[in-house]
PDB file of N, CA and C in Angstrom:
ATOM      1  N   MET A   1       0.849  -1.176   0.000  1.00  0.00           N
ATOM      2  CA  MET A   1       0.000   0.000   0.000  1.00  0.00           C
ATOM      3  C   MET A   1       0.891   1.233   0.000  1.00  0.00           C
ATOM      4  N   LYS A   2       0.665   2.134  -0.925  1.00  0.00           N
ATOM      5  CA  LYS A   2       1.467   3.348  -1.014  1.00  0.00           C
ATOM      6  C   LYS A   2       0.946   4.399  -0.049  1.00  0.00           C
ATOM      7  N   GLY A   3       1.818   5.325   0.330  1.00  0.00           N
ATOM      8  CA  GLY A   3       1.406   6.446   1.180  1.00  0.00           C
ATOM      9  C   GLY A   3       1.413   6.090   2.655  1.00  0.00           C
ATOM     10  N   ASN A   4       1.356   7.111   3.453  1.00  0.00           N
ATOM     11  CA  ASN A   4       1.291   6.917   4.898  1.00  0.00           C
ATOM     12  C   ASN A   4      -0.136   6.609   5.293  1.00  0.00           C
ATOM     13  N   THR A   5      -0.299   5.747   6.295  1.00  0.00           N
ATOM     14  CA  THR A   5      -1.645   5.431   6.750  1.00  0.00           C
ATOM     15  C   THR A   5      -1.720   5.470   8.256  1.00  0.00           C
ATOM     16  N   THR A   6      -2.927   5.728   8.772  1.00  0.00           N
ATOM     17  CA  THR A   6      -3.178   5.629  10.199  1.00  0.00           C
ATOM     18  C   THR A   6      -4.400   4.762  10.370  1.00  0.00           C
ATOM     19  N   MET A   7      -4.434   4.001  11.409  1.00  0.00           N
ATOM     20  CA  MET A   7      -5.563   3.126  11.708  1.00  0.00           C
ATOM     21  C   MET A   7      -5.850   2.181  10.548  1.00  0.00           C
ATOM     22  N   ALA A   8      -4.869   1.939   9.698  1.00  0.00           N
ATOM     23  CA  ALA A   8      -4.934   0.982   8.600  1.00  0.00           C
ATOM     24  C   ALA A   8      -5.976   1.318   7.535  1.00  0.00           C
ATOM     25  N   THR A   9      -6.690   2.424   7.646  1.00  0.00           N
ATOM     26  CA  THR A   9      -7.682   2.736   6.628  1.00  0.00           C
ATOM     27  C   THR A   9      -7.571   4.160   6.104  1.00  0.00           C
ATOM     28  N   GLU A  10      -7.117   5.085   6.880  1.00  0.00           N
ATOM     29  CA  GLU A  10      -7.112   6.482   6.461  1.00  0.00           C
ATOM     30  C   GLU A  10      -5.733   6.878   5.956  1.00  0.00           C
ATOM     31  N   LYS A  11      -5.635   7.152   4.654  1.00  0.00           N
ATOM     32  CA  LYS A  11      -4.360   7.554   4.072  1.00  0.00           C
ATOM     33  C   LYS A  11      -4.013   8.974   4.495  1.00  0.00           C
ATOM     34  N   MET A  12      -2.723   9.231   4.565  1.00  0.00           N
ATOM     35  CA  MET A  12      -2.227  10.553   4.908  1.00  0.00           C
ATOM     36  C   MET A  12      -1.482  11.117   3.696  1.00  0.00           C
ATOM     37  N   PHE A  13      -1.575  12.425   3.509  1.00  0.00           N
ATOM     38  CA  PHE A  13      -0.979  13.076   2.354  1.00  0.00           C
ATOM     39  C   PHE A  13      -0.162  14.284   2.793  1.00  0.00           C
ATOM     40  N   THR A  14       0.869  14.614   1.997  1.00  0.00           N
ATOM     41  CA  THR A  14       1.718  15.763   2.290  1.00  0.00           C
ATOM     42  C   THR A  14       1.547  16.881   1.271  1.00  0.00           C
ATOM     43  N   VAL A  15       0.773  16.628   0.226  1.00  0.00           N
ATOM     44  CA  VAL A  15       0.515  17.611  -0.828  1.00  0.00           C
ATOM     45  C   VAL A  15      -0.978  17.616  -1.131  1.00  0.00           C
ATOM     46  N   ALA A  16      -1.544  18.812  -1.293  1.00  0.00           N
ATOM     47  CA  ALA A  16      -2.966  18.923  -1.654  1.00  0.00           C
ATOM     48  C   ALA A  16      -3.176  20.189  -2.477  1.00  0.00           C
ATOM     49  N   GLY A  17      -4.260  20.199  -3.233  1.00  0.00           N
ATOM     50  CA  GLY A  17      -4.589  21.377  -4.037  1.00  0.00           C
ATOM     51  C   GLY A  17      -5.671  21.053  -5.039  1.00  0.00           C
ATOM     52  N   THR A  18      -5.672  21.795  -6.133  1.00  0.00           N
ATOM     53  CA  THR A  18      -6.681  21.598  -7.171  1.00  0.00           C
ATOM     54  C   THR A  18      -6.032  21.590  -8.551  1.00  0.00           C
ATOM     55  N   ALA A  19      -6.768  21.030  -9.509  1.00  0.00           N
ATOM     56  CA  ALA A  19      -6.356  21.052 -10.915  1.00  0.00           C
ATOM     57  C   ALA A  19      -7.605  20.910 -11.762  1.00  0.00           C
ATOM     58  N   THR A  20      -7.558  21.499 -12.957  1.00  0.00           N
ATOM     59  CA  THR A  20      -8.687  21.441 -13.879  1.00  0.00           C
ATOM     60  C   THR A  20      -8.395  20.389 -14.947  1.00  0.00           C
ATOM     61  N   ASN A  21      -9.317  19.442 -15.092  1.00  0.00           N
ATOM     62  CA  ASN A  21      -9.200  18.383 -16.103  1.00  0.00           C
ATOM     63  C   ASN A  21      -9.361  18.963 -17.500  1.00  0.00           C
ATOM     64  N   PRO A  22      -8.922  18.223 -18.530  1.00  0.00           N
ATOM     65  CA  PRO A  22      -9.105  18.699 -19.912  1.00  0.00           C
ATOM     66  C   PRO A  22     -10.566  18.956 -20.276  1.00  0.00           C
ATOM     67  N   ASP A  23     -11.511  18.256 -19.608  1.00  0.00           N
ATOM     68  CA  ASP A  23     -12.935  18.466 -19.909  1.00  0.00           C
ATOM     69  C   ASP A  23     -13.505  19.685 -19.178  1.00  0.00           C
ATOM     70  N   GLY A  24     -12.681  20.376 -18.393  1.00  0.00           N
ATOM     71  CA  GLY A  24     -13.116  21.606 -17.731  1.00  0.00           C
ATOM     72  C   GLY A  24     -13.536  21.460 -16.283  1.00  0.00           C
ATOM     73  N   THR A  25     -13.587  20.253 -15.753  1.00  0.00           N
ATOM     74  CA  THR A  25     -13.974  20.074 -14.350  1.00  0.00           C
ATOM     75  C   THR A  25     -12.766  20.280 -13.441  1.00  0.00           C
ATOM     76  N   THR A  26     -12.992  20.990 -12.355  1.00  0.00           N
ATOM     77  CA  THR A  26     -11.929  21.242 -11.390  1.00  0.00           C
ATOM     78  C   THR A  26     -12.115  20.306 -10.214  1.00  0.00           C
ATOM     79  N   LYS A  27     -11.033  19.644  -9.798  1.00  0.00           N
ATOM     80  CA  LYS A  27     -11.106  18.657  -8.724  1.00  0.00           C
ATOM     81  C   LYS A  27     -10.033  18.927  -7.680  1.00  0.00           C
ATOM     82  N   ALA A  28     -10.319  18.492  -6.463  1.00  0.00           N
ATOM     83  CA  ALA A  28      -9.321  18.517  -5.394  1.00  0.00           C
ATOM     84  C   ALA A  28      -8.373  17.342  -5.636  1.00  0.00           C
ATOM     85  N   ARG A  29      -7.081  17.576  -5.409  1.00  0.00           N
ATOM     86  CA  ARG A  29      -6.064  16.552  -5.657  1.00  0.00           C
ATOM     87  C   ARG A  29      -5.214  16.357  -4.408  1.00  0.00           C
ATOM     88  N   PHE A  30      -4.738  15.127  -4.208  1.00  0.00           N
ATOM     89  CA  PHE A  30      -3.931  14.788  -3.045  1.00  0.00           C
ATOM     90  C   PHE A  30      -2.762  13.926  -3.503  1.00  0.00           C
ATOM     91  N   ALA A  31      -1.604  14.098  -2.860  1.00  0.00           N
ATOM     92  CA  ALA A  31      -0.426  13.319  -3.230  1.00  0.00           C
ATOM     93  C   ALA A  31       0.587  13.345  -2.093  1.00  0.00           C
ATOM     94  N   ASN A  32       1.660  12.591  -2.280  1.00  0.00           N
ATOM     95  CA  ASN A  32       2.763  12.609  -1.331  1.00  0.00           C
ATOM     96  C   ASN A  32       4.056  13.106  -1.976  1.00  0.00           C
ATOM     97  N   ASP A  33       4.052  13.307  -3.287  1.00  0.00           N
ATOM     98  CA  ASP A  33       5.225  13.807  -4.005  1.00  0.00           C
ATOM     99  C   ASP A  33       4.772  14.925  -4.939  1.00  0.00           C
ATOM    100  N   LEU A  34       5.141  16.149  -4.610  1.00  0.00           N
ATOM    101  CA  LEU A  34       4.683  17.329  -5.347  1.00  0.00           C
ATOM    102  C   LEU A  34       5.120  17.286  -6.811  1.00  0.00           C
ATOM    103  N   VAL A  35       6.403  17.075  -7.060  1.00  0.00           N
ATOM    104  CA  VAL A  35       6.925  17.116  -8.426  1.00  0.00           C
ATOM    105  C   VAL A  35       6.321  16.010  -9.287  1.00  0.00           C
ATOM    106  N   ALA A  36       6.259  14.802  -8.753  1.00  0.00           N
ATOM    107  CA  ALA A  36       5.696  13.686  -9.517  1.00  0.00           C
ATOM    108  C   ALA A  36       4.232  13.932  -9.845  1.00  0.00           C
ATOM    109  N   ARG A  37       3.470  14.468  -8.893  1.00  0.00           N
ATOM    110  CA  ARG A  37       2.037  14.714  -9.127  1.00  0.00           C
ATOM    111  C   ARG A  37       1.836  15.792 -10.195  1.00  0.00           C
ATOM    112  N   ILE A  38       2.642  16.838 -10.164  1.00  0.00           N
ATOM    113  CA  ILE A  38       2.534  17.895 -11.177  1.00  0.00           C
ATOM    114  C   ILE A  38       2.841  17.324 -12.560  1.00  0.00           C
ATOM    115  N   LYS A  39       3.859  16.490 -12.660  1.00  0.00           N
ATOM    116  CA  LYS A  39       4.202  15.864 -13.952  1.00  0.00           C
ATOM    117  C   LYS A  39       3.046  15.015 -14.473  1.00  0.00           C
ATOM    118  N   ILE A  40       2.426  14.229 -13.579  1.00  0.00           N
ATOM    119  CA  ILE A  40       1.304  13.367 -13.979  1.00  0.00           C
ATOM    120  C   ILE A  40       0.125  14.210 -14.461  1.00  0.00           C
ATOM    121  N   LEU A  41      -0.194  15.273 -13.714  1.00  0.00           N
ATOM    122  CA  LEU A  41      -1.321  16.127 -14.094  1.00  0.00           C
ATOM    123  C   LEU A  41      -1.057  16.835 -15.420  1.00  0.00           C
ATOM    124  N   ASN A  42       0.174  17.330 -15.633  1.00  0.00           N
ATOM    125  CA  ASN A  42       0.513  17.985 -16.897  1.00  0.00           C
ATOM    126  C   ASN A  42       0.442  17.011 -18.057  1.00  0.00           C
ATOM    127  N   LYS A  43       0.921  15.796 -17.855  1.00  0.00           N
ATOM    128  CA  LYS A  43       0.885  14.772 -18.900  1.00  0.00           C
ATOM    129  C   LYS A  43      -0.560  14.421 -19.262  1.00  0.00           C
ATOM    130  N   ALA A  44      -1.457  14.461 -18.275  1.00  0.00           N
ATOM    131  CA  ALA A  44      -2.873  14.151 -18.508  1.00  0.00           C
ATOM    132  C   ALA A  44      -3.619  15.326 -19.135  1.00  0.00           C
ATOM    133  N   GLY A  45      -2.939  16.459 -19.312  1.00  0.00           N
ATOM    134  CA  GLY A  45      -3.570  17.617 -19.952  1.00  0.00           C
ATOM    135  C   GLY A  45      -4.300  18.532 -18.991  1.00  0.00           C
ATOM    136  N   CYS A  46      -4.060  18.405 -17.690  1.00  0.00           N
ATOM    137  CA  CYS A  46      -4.712  19.269 -16.699  1.00  0.00           C
ATOM    138  C   CYS A  46      -4.115  20.670 -16.740  1.00  0.00           C
ATOM    139  N   THR A  47      -4.951  21.648 -16.429  1.00  0.00           N
ATOM    140  CA  THR A  47      -4.503  23.043 -16.367  1.00  0.00           C
ATOM    141  C   THR A  47      -4.832  23.606 -14.988  1.00  0.00           C
ATOM    142  N   ASN A  48      -4.421  24.811 -14.734  1.00  0.00           N
ATOM    143  CA  ASN A  48      -4.667  25.485 -13.452  1.00  0.00           C
ATOM    144  C   ASN A  48      -4.262  24.591 -12.278  1.00  0.00           C
ATOM    145  N   VAL A  49      -3.111  23.954 -12.398  1.00  0.00           N
ATOM    146  CA  VAL A  49      -2.617  23.087 -11.331  1.00  0.00           C
ATOM    147  C   VAL A  49      -2.112  23.978 -10.199  1.00  0.00           C
ATOM    148  N   ASN A  50      -2.710  23.819  -9.021  1.00  0.00           N
ATOM    149  CA  ASN A  50      -2.336  24.625  -7.863  1.00  0.00           C
ATOM    150  C   ASN A  50      -2.228  23.699  -6.651  1.00  0.00           C
ATOM    151  N   LEU A  51      -1.037  23.144  -6.453  1.00  0.00           N
ATOM    152  CA  LEU A  51      -0.786  22.225  -5.343  1.00  0.00           C
ATOM    153  C   LEU A  51       0.138  22.890  -4.332  1.00  0.00           C
ATOM    154  N   VAL A  52      -0.072  22.588  -3.063  1.00  0.00           N
ATOM    155  CA  VAL A  52       0.785  23.125  -2.004  1.00  0.00           C
ATOM    156  C   VAL A  52       1.245  21.982  -1.102  1.00  0.00           C
ATOM    157  N   GLU A  53       2.427  22.161  -0.531  1.00  0.00           N
ATOM    158  CA  GLU A  53       2.896  21.194   0.455  1.00  0.00           C
ATOM    159  C   GLU A  53       2.226  21.510   1.777  1.00  0.00           C
ATOM    160  N   LEU A  54       1.742  20.488   2.442  1.00  0.00           N
ATOM    161  CA  LEU A  54       1.056  20.643   3.725  1.00  0.00           C
ATOM    162  C   LEU A  54       2.090  20.722   4.850  1.00  0.00           C
ATOM    163  N   PRO A  55       1.746  21.393   5.953  1.00  0.00           N
ATOM    164  CA  PRO A  55       2.704  21.533   7.054  1.00  0.00           C
ATOM    165  C   PRO A  55       3.067  20.208   7.723  1.00  0.00           C
ATOM    166  N   ARG A  56       2.197  19.207   7.607  1.00  0.00           N
ATOM    167  CA  ARG A  56       2.441  17.864   8.138  1.00  0.00           C
ATOM    168  C   ARG A  56       1.566  16.902   7.347  1.00  0.00           C
ATOM    169  N   ALA A  57       1.785  15.618   7.514  1.00  0.00           N
ATOM    170  CA  ALA A  57       0.939  14.629   6.842  1.00  0.00           C
ATOM    171  C   ALA A  57      -0.478  14.759   7.383  1.00  0.00           C
ATOM    172  N   MET A  58      -1.460  14.818   6.487  1.00  0.00           N
ATOM    173  CA  MET A  58      -2.859  15.028   6.875  1.00  0.00           C
ATOM    174  C   MET A  58      -3.771  14.078   6.125  1.00  0.00           C
ATOM    175  N   SER A  59      -4.935  13.818   6.722  1.00  0.00           N
ATOM    176  CA  SER A  59      -5.983  13.077   6.015  1.00  0.00           C
ATOM    177  C   SER A  59      -6.577  14.013   4.963  1.00  0.00           C
ATOM    178  N   LYS A  60      -7.410  13.477   4.090  1.00  0.00           N
ATOM    179  CA  LYS A  60      -8.032  14.321   3.069  1.00  0.00           C
ATOM    180  C   LYS A  60      -8.876  15.423   3.708  1.00  0.00           C
ATOM    181  N   LEU A  61      -9.647  15.069   4.739  1.00  0.00           N
ATOM    182  CA  LEU A  61     -10.494  16.068   5.389  1.00  0.00           C
ATOM    183  C   LEU A  61      -9.650  17.168   6.031  1.00  0.00           C
ATOM    184  N   GLU A  62      -8.591  16.786   6.734  1.00  0.00           N
ATOM    185  CA  GLU A  62      -7.717  17.790   7.348  1.00  0.00           C
ATOM    186  C   GLU A  62      -7.055  18.665   6.292  1.00  0.00           C
ATOM    187  N   ALA A  63      -6.613  18.055   5.189  1.00  0.00           N
ATOM    188  CA  ALA A  63      -5.971  18.805   4.109  1.00  0.00           C
ATOM    189  C   ALA A  63      -6.946  19.803   3.483  1.00  0.00           C
ATOM    190  N   LEU A  64      -8.179  19.375   3.278  1.00  0.00           N
ATOM    191  CA  LEU A  64      -9.188  20.279   2.706  1.00  0.00           C
ATOM    192  C   LEU A  64      -9.470  21.445   3.650  1.00  0.00           C
ATOM    193  N   GLU A  65      -9.555  21.169   4.940  1.00  0.00           N
ATOM    194  CA  GLU A  65      -9.771  22.243   5.909  1.00  0.00           C
ATOM    195  C   GLU A  65      -8.591  23.207   5.912  1.00  0.00           C
ATOM    196  N   HIS A  66      -7.381  22.677   5.755  1.00  0.00           N
ATOM    197  CA  HIS A  66      -6.188  23.527   5.677  1.00  0.00           C
ATOM    198  C   HIS A  66      -6.242  24.407   4.428  1.00  0.00           C
ATOM    199  N   LEU A  67      -6.627  23.825   3.292  1.00  0.00           N
ATOM    200  CA  LEU A  67      -6.730  24.600   2.054  1.00  0.00           C
ATOM    201  C   LEU A  67      -7.764  25.717   2.201  1.00  0.00           C
ATOM    202  N   ASN A  68      -8.883  25.417   2.864  1.00  0.00           N
ATOM    203  CA  ASN A  68      -9.902  26.446   3.112  1.00  0.00           C
ATOM    204  C   ASN A  68      -9.328  27.572   3.961  1.00  0.00           C
ATOM    205  N   SER A  69      -8.518  27.228   4.952  1.00  0.00           N
ATOM    206  CA  SER A  69      -7.967  28.248   5.856  1.00  0.00           C
ATOM    207  C   SER A  69      -6.958  29.147   5.154  1.00  0.00           C
ATOM    208  N   LEU A  70      -6.329  28.667   4.080  1.00  0.00           N
ATOM    209  CA  LEU A  70      -5.362  29.483   3.353  1.00  0.00           C
ATOM    210  C   LEU A  70      -6.034  30.662   2.658  1.00  0.00           C
ATOM    211  N   GLY A  71      -7.253  30.452   2.161  1.00  0.00           N
ATOM    212  CA  GLY A  71      -7.992  31.517   1.493  1.00  0.00           C
ATOM    213  C   GLY A  71      -7.425  31.929   0.149  1.00  0.00           C
ATOM    214  N   THR A  72      -6.556  31.117  -0.442  1.00  0.00           N
ATOM    215  CA  THR A  72      -5.949  31.477  -1.727  1.00  0.00           C
ATOM    216  C   THR A  72      -6.691  30.890  -2.920  1.00  0.00           C
ATOM    217  N   TYR A  73      -7.688  30.071  -2.677  1.00  0.00           N
ATOM    218  CA  TYR A  73      -8.433  29.427  -3.752  1.00  0.00           C
ATOM    219  C   TYR A  73      -9.722  30.211  -4.016  1.00  0.00           C
ATOM    220  N   THR A  74      -9.984  30.482  -5.291  1.00  0.00           N
ATOM    221  CA  THR A  74     -11.191  31.223  -5.674  1.00  0.00           C
ATOM    222  C   THR A  74     -11.872  30.509  -6.842  1.00  0.00           C
ATOM    223  N   GLY A  75     -13.084  30.908  -7.129  1.00  0.00           N
ATOM    224  CA  GLY A  75     -13.813  30.382  -8.278  1.00  0.00           C
ATOM    225  C   GLY A  75     -14.054  28.890  -8.214  1.00  0.00           C
ATOM    226  N   ASP A  76     -13.779  28.216  -9.331  1.00  0.00           N
ATOM    227  CA  ASP A  76     -14.017  26.772  -9.436  1.00  0.00           C
ATOM    228  C   ASP A  76     -13.188  25.981  -8.418  1.00  0.00           C
ATOM    229  N   ALA A  77     -11.968  26.423  -8.164  1.00  0.00           N
ATOM    230  CA  ALA A  77     -11.102  25.718  -7.209  1.00  0.00           C
ATOM    231  C   ALA A  77     -11.705  25.765  -5.810  1.00  0.00           C
ATOM    232  N   ALA A  78     -12.189  26.924  -5.390  1.00  0.00           N
ATOM    233  CA  ALA A  78     -12.812  27.054  -4.066  1.00  0.00           C
ATOM    234  C   ALA A  78     -14.072  26.205  -3.989  1.00  0.00           C
ATOM    235  N   TYR A  79     -14.832  26.166  -5.073  1.00  0.00           N
ATOM    236  CA  TYR A  79     -16.052  25.366  -5.131  1.00  0.00           C
ATOM    237  C   TYR A  79     -15.723  23.881  -5.017  1.00  0.00           C
ATOM    238  N   ALA A  80     -14.681  23.425  -5.722  1.00  0.00           N
ATOM    239  CA  ALA A  80     -14.272  22.021  -5.675  1.00  0.00           C
ATOM    240  C   ALA A  80     -13.829  21.638  -4.266  1.00  0.00           C
ATOM    241  N   ILE A  81     -13.085  22.517  -3.609  1.00  0.00           N
ATOM    242  CA  ILE A  81     -12.622  22.251  -2.241  1.00  0.00           C
ATOM    243  C   ILE A  81     -13.804  22.197  -1.282  1.00  0.00           C
ATOM    244  N   ALA A  82     -14.734  23.131  -1.409  1.00  0.00           N
ATOM    245  CA  ALA A  82     -15.912  23.155  -0.533  1.00  0.00           C
ATOM    246  C   ALA A  82     -16.758  21.893  -0.710  1.00  0.00           C
ATOM    247  N   ASN A  83     -16.966  21.464  -1.956  1.00  0.00           N
ATOM    248  CA  ASN A  83     -17.755  20.254  -2.218  1.00  0.00           C
ATOM    249  C   ASN A  83     -17.073  19.008  -1.661  1.00  0.00           C
ATOM    250  N   LYS A  84     -15.771  18.894  -1.857  1.00  0.00           N
ATOM    251  CA  LYS A  84     -15.042  17.723  -1.362  1.00  0.00           C
ATOM    252  C   LYS A  84     -15.008  17.724   0.165  1.00  0.00           C
ATOM    253  N   THR A  85     -14.911  18.917   0.776  1.00  0.00           N
ATOM    254  CA  THR A  85     -14.936  19.015   2.243  1.00  0.00           C
ATOM    255  C   THR A  85     -16.276  18.528   2.775  1.00  0.00           C
ATOM    256  N   ALA A  86     -17.362  18.951   2.144  1.00  0.00           N
ATOM    257  CA  ALA A  86     -18.702  18.515   2.558  1.00  0.00           C
ATOM    258  C   ALA A  86     -18.841  17.004   2.407  1.00  0.00           C
ATOM    259  N   GLU A  87     -18.343  16.457   1.303  1.00  0.00           N
ATOM    260  CA  GLU A  87     -18.419  15.007   1.063  1.00  0.00           C
ATOM    261  C   GLU A  87     -17.636  14.238   2.133  1.00  0.00           C
ATOM    262  N   LYS A  88     -16.428  14.683   2.435  1.00  0.00           N
ATOM    263  CA  LYS A  88     -15.585  13.996   3.423  1.00  0.00           C
ATOM    264  C   LYS A  88     -16.152  14.150   4.831  1.00  0.00           C
ATOM    265  N   SER A  89     -16.779  15.289   5.122  1.00  0.00           N
ATOM    266  CA  SER A  89     -17.391  15.492   6.437  1.00  0.00           C
ATOM    267  C   SER A  89     -18.552  14.524   6.639  1.00  0.00           C
ATOM    268  N   LYS A  90     -19.348  14.326   5.604  1.00  0.00           N
ATOM    269  CA  LYS A  90     -20.464  13.375   5.678  1.00  0.00           C
ATOM    270  C   LYS A  90     -19.952  11.967   5.915  1.00  0.00           C
ATOM    271  N   LEU A  91     -18.884  11.590   5.210  1.00  0.00           N
ATOM    272  CA  LEU A  91     -18.312  10.257   5.389  1.00  0.00           C
ATOM    273  C   LEU A  91     -17.753  10.087   6.790  1.00  0.00           C
ATOM    274  N   ALA A  92     -17.128  11.125   7.309  1.00  0.00           N
ATOM    275  CA  ALA A  92     -16.553  11.040   8.659  1.00  0.00           C
ATOM    276  C   ALA A  92     -17.658  10.876   9.696  1.00  0.00           C
ATOM    277  N   ARG A  93     -18.752  11.610   9.524  1.00  0.00           N
ATOM    278  CA  ARG A  93     -19.868  11.481  10.473  1.00  0.00           C
ATOM    279  C   ARG A  93     -20.529  10.120  10.362  1.00  0.00           C
ATOM    280  N   ARG A  94     -20.624   9.596   9.159  1.00  0.00           N
ATOM    281  CA  ARG A  94     -21.274   8.309   8.938  1.00  0.00           C
ATOM    282  C   ARG A  94     -20.467   7.169   9.549  1.00  0.00           C
ATOM    283  N   SER A  95     -19.144   7.325   9.595  1.00  0.00           N
ATOM    284  CA  SER A  95     -18.311   6.247  10.111  1.00  0.00           C
ATOM    285  C   SER A  95     -18.156   6.275  11.627  1.00  0.00           C
ATOM    286  N   GLU A  96     -18.719   7.287  12.290  1.00  0.00           N
ATOM    287  CA  GLU A  96     -18.661   7.322  13.744  1.00  0.00           C
ATOM    288  C   GLU A  96     -19.485   6.169  14.305  1.00  0.00           C
ATOM    289  N   VAL A  97     -19.010   5.598  15.378  1.00  0.00           N
ATOM    290  CA  VAL A  97     -19.674   4.451  15.981  1.00  0.00           C
ATOM    291  C   VAL A  97     -20.286   4.871  17.304  1.00  0.00           C
ATOM    292  N   LYS A  98     -21.543   4.519  17.501  1.00  0.00           N
ATOM    293  CA  LYS A  98     -22.209   4.799  18.764  1.00  0.00           C
ATOM    294  C   LYS A  98     -22.092   3.567  19.643  1.00  0.00           C
ATOM    295  N   VAL A  99     -21.662   3.778  20.877  1.00  0.00           N
ATOM    296  CA  VAL A  99     -21.484   2.672  21.801  1.00  0.00           C
ATOM    297  C   VAL A  99     -22.373   2.913  23.003  1.00  0.00           C
ATOM    298  N   THR A 100     -23.130   1.900  23.373  1.00  0.00           N
ATOM    299  CA  THR A 100     -23.950   1.985  24.578  1.00  0.00           C
ATOM    300  C   THR A 100     -23.383   1.023  25.601  1.00  0.00           C
ATOM    301  N   LEU A 101     -23.254   1.497  26.800  1.00  0.00           N
ATOM    302  CA  LEU A 101     -22.718   0.681  27.872  1.00  0.00           C
ATOM    303  C   LEU A 101     -23.846   0.123  28.709  1.00  0.00           C
ATOM    304  N   LYS A 102     -23.699  -1.110  29.099  1.00  0.00           N
ATOM    305  CA  LYS A 102     -24.686  -1.701  29.995  1.00  0.00           C
ATOM    306  C   LYS A 102     -24.337  -1.288  31.413  1.00  0.00           C
ATOM    307  N   THR A 103     -25.339  -0.986  32.186  1.00  0.00           N
ATOM    308  CA  THR A 103     -25.096  -0.571  33.569  1.00  0.00           C
ATOM    309  C   THR A 103     -24.786  -1.775  34.431  1.00  0.00           C
ATOM    310  N   GLY A 104     -24.223  -1.523  35.602  1.00  0.00           N
ATOM    311  CA  GLY A 104     -23.898  -2.593  36.538  1.00  0.00           C
ATOM    312  C   GLY A 104     -25.134  -3.367  36.964  1.00  0.00           C
ATOM    313  N   ALA A 105     -26.286  -2.698  37.023  1.00  0.00           N
ATOM    314  CA  ALA A 105     -27.527  -3.351  37.428  1.00  0.00           C
ATOM    315  C   ALA A 105     -27.908  -4.439  36.428  1.00  0.00           C
ATOM    316  N   ALA A 106     -27.727  -4.166  35.162  1.00  0.00           N
ATOM    317  CA  ALA A 106     -28.066  -5.155  34.142  1.00  0.00           C
ATOM    318  C   ALA A 106     -27.152  -6.368  34.260  1.00  0.00           C
ATOM    319  N   LYS A 107     -25.881  -6.143  34.549  1.00  0.00           N
ATOM    320  CA  LYS A 107     -24.954  -7.261  34.700  1.00  0.00           C
ATOM    321  C   LYS A 107     -25.323  -8.108  35.907  1.00  0.00           C
ATOM    322  N   SER A 108     -25.661  -7.451  36.998  1.00  0.00           N
ATOM    323  CA  SER A 108     -25.967  -8.215  38.209  1.00  0.00           C
ATOM    324  C   SER A 108     -27.246  -9.021  38.046  1.00  0.00           C
ATOM    325  N   SER A 109     -28.224  -8.499  37.301  1.00  0.00           N
ATOM    326  CA  SER A 109     -29.457  -9.259  37.106  1.00  0.00           C
ATOM    327  C   SER A 109     -29.184 -10.504  36.263  1.00  0.00           C
ATOM    328  N   LYS A 110     -28.271 -10.413  35.281  1.00  0.00           N
ATOM    329  CA  LYS A 110     -27.913 -11.586  34.494  1.00  0.00           C
ATOM    330  C   LYS A 110     -27.193 -12.590  35.376  1.00  0.00           C
ATOM    331  N   THR A 111     -26.348 -12.090  36.233  1.00  0.00           N
ATOM    332  CA  THR A 111     -25.603 -12.973  37.128  1.00  0.00           C
ATOM    333  C   THR A 111     -26.557 -13.689  38.072  1.00  0.00           C
ATOM    334  N   LYS A 112     -27.546 -12.959  38.595  1.00  0.00           N
ATOM    335  CA  LYS A 112     -28.524 -13.582  39.488  1.00  0.00           C
ATOM    336  C   LYS A 112     -29.325 -14.640  38.742  1.00  0.00           C
ATOM    337  N   SER A 113     -29.694 -14.351  37.476  1.00  0.00           N
ATOM    338  CA  SER A 113     -30.448 -15.322  36.684  1.00  0.00           C
ATOM    339  C   SER A 113     -29.621 -16.571  36.460  1.00  0.00           C
ATOM    340  N   ALA A 114     -28.344 -16.399  36.180  1.00  0.00           N
ATOM    341  CA  ALA A 114     -27.468 -17.545  35.964  1.00  0.00           C
ATOM    342  C   ALA A 114     -27.336 -18.355  37.247  1.00  0.00           C
ATOM    343  N   ALA A 115     -27.287 -17.655  38.389  1.00  0.00           N
ATOM    344  CA  ALA A 115     -27.159 -18.339  39.676  1.00  0.00           C
ATOM    345  C   ALA A 115     -28.444 -19.141  39.957  1.00  0.00           C
ATOM    346  N   ARG A 116     -29.604 -18.595  39.614  1.00  0.00           N
ATOM    347  CA  ARG A 116     -30.866 -19.295  39.832  1.00  0.00           C
ATOM    348  C   ARG A 116     -30.928 -20.565  38.979  1.00  0.00           C
ATOM    349  N   VAL A 117     -30.455 -20.456  37.726  1.00  0.00           N
ATOM    350  CA  VAL A 117     -30.451 -21.611  36.827  1.00  0.00           C
ATOM    351  C   VAL A 117     -29.536 -22.695  37.408  1.00  0.00           C
ATOM    352  N   ALA A 118     -28.404 -22.286  37.936  1.00  0.00           N
ATOM    353  CA  ALA A 118     -27.446 -23.242  38.511  1.00  0.00           C
ATOM    354  C   ALA A 118     -28.041 -23.922  39.751  1.00  0.00           C
ATOM    355  N   GLN A 119     -28.820 -23.185  40.559  1.00  0.00           N
ATOM    356  CA  GLN A 119     -29.419 -23.767  41.772  1.00  0.00           C
ATOM    357  C   GLN A 119     -30.501 -24.776  41.418  1.00  0.00           C
ATOM    358  N   THR A 120     -31.280 -24.513  40.372  1.00  0.00           N
ATOM    359  CA  THR A 120     -32.371 -25.418  40.010  1.00  0.00           C
ATOM    360  C   THR A 120     -31.850 -26.667  39.301  1.00  0.00           C
ATOM    361  N   ALA A 121     -30.666 -26.639  38.788  1.00  0.00           N
ATOM    362  CA  ALA A 121     -30.137 -27.784  38.035  1.00  0.00           C
ATOM    363  C   ALA A 121     -29.627 -28.883  38.923  1.00  0.00           C
TER     364      ALA A 121
END
């Protein structure tokens, strides 16, 4: 698996930004090697390539929030970042796990039931 990872599922990136595809759509981009990513995007015919090195390795959501805080993206690039941030925020909320704890009273009642079963046997 390429790239840095945490918790075995969330990739970390050191470069983030935007680029416009040949068909005119602007997308948020993530990478770990700035020069290699720029070469790939140029070879694919992308324009308006605007990538920045992040201050530390970040998840996509953290990187998007960092790009928003820079305030240097306008127009289609700002729109692409805002849309991707909203998408990643929804995914992050959806993956949260709710845990309910059983109280001590519930445990003791099960224990008493088990003890009653053992006495009748």
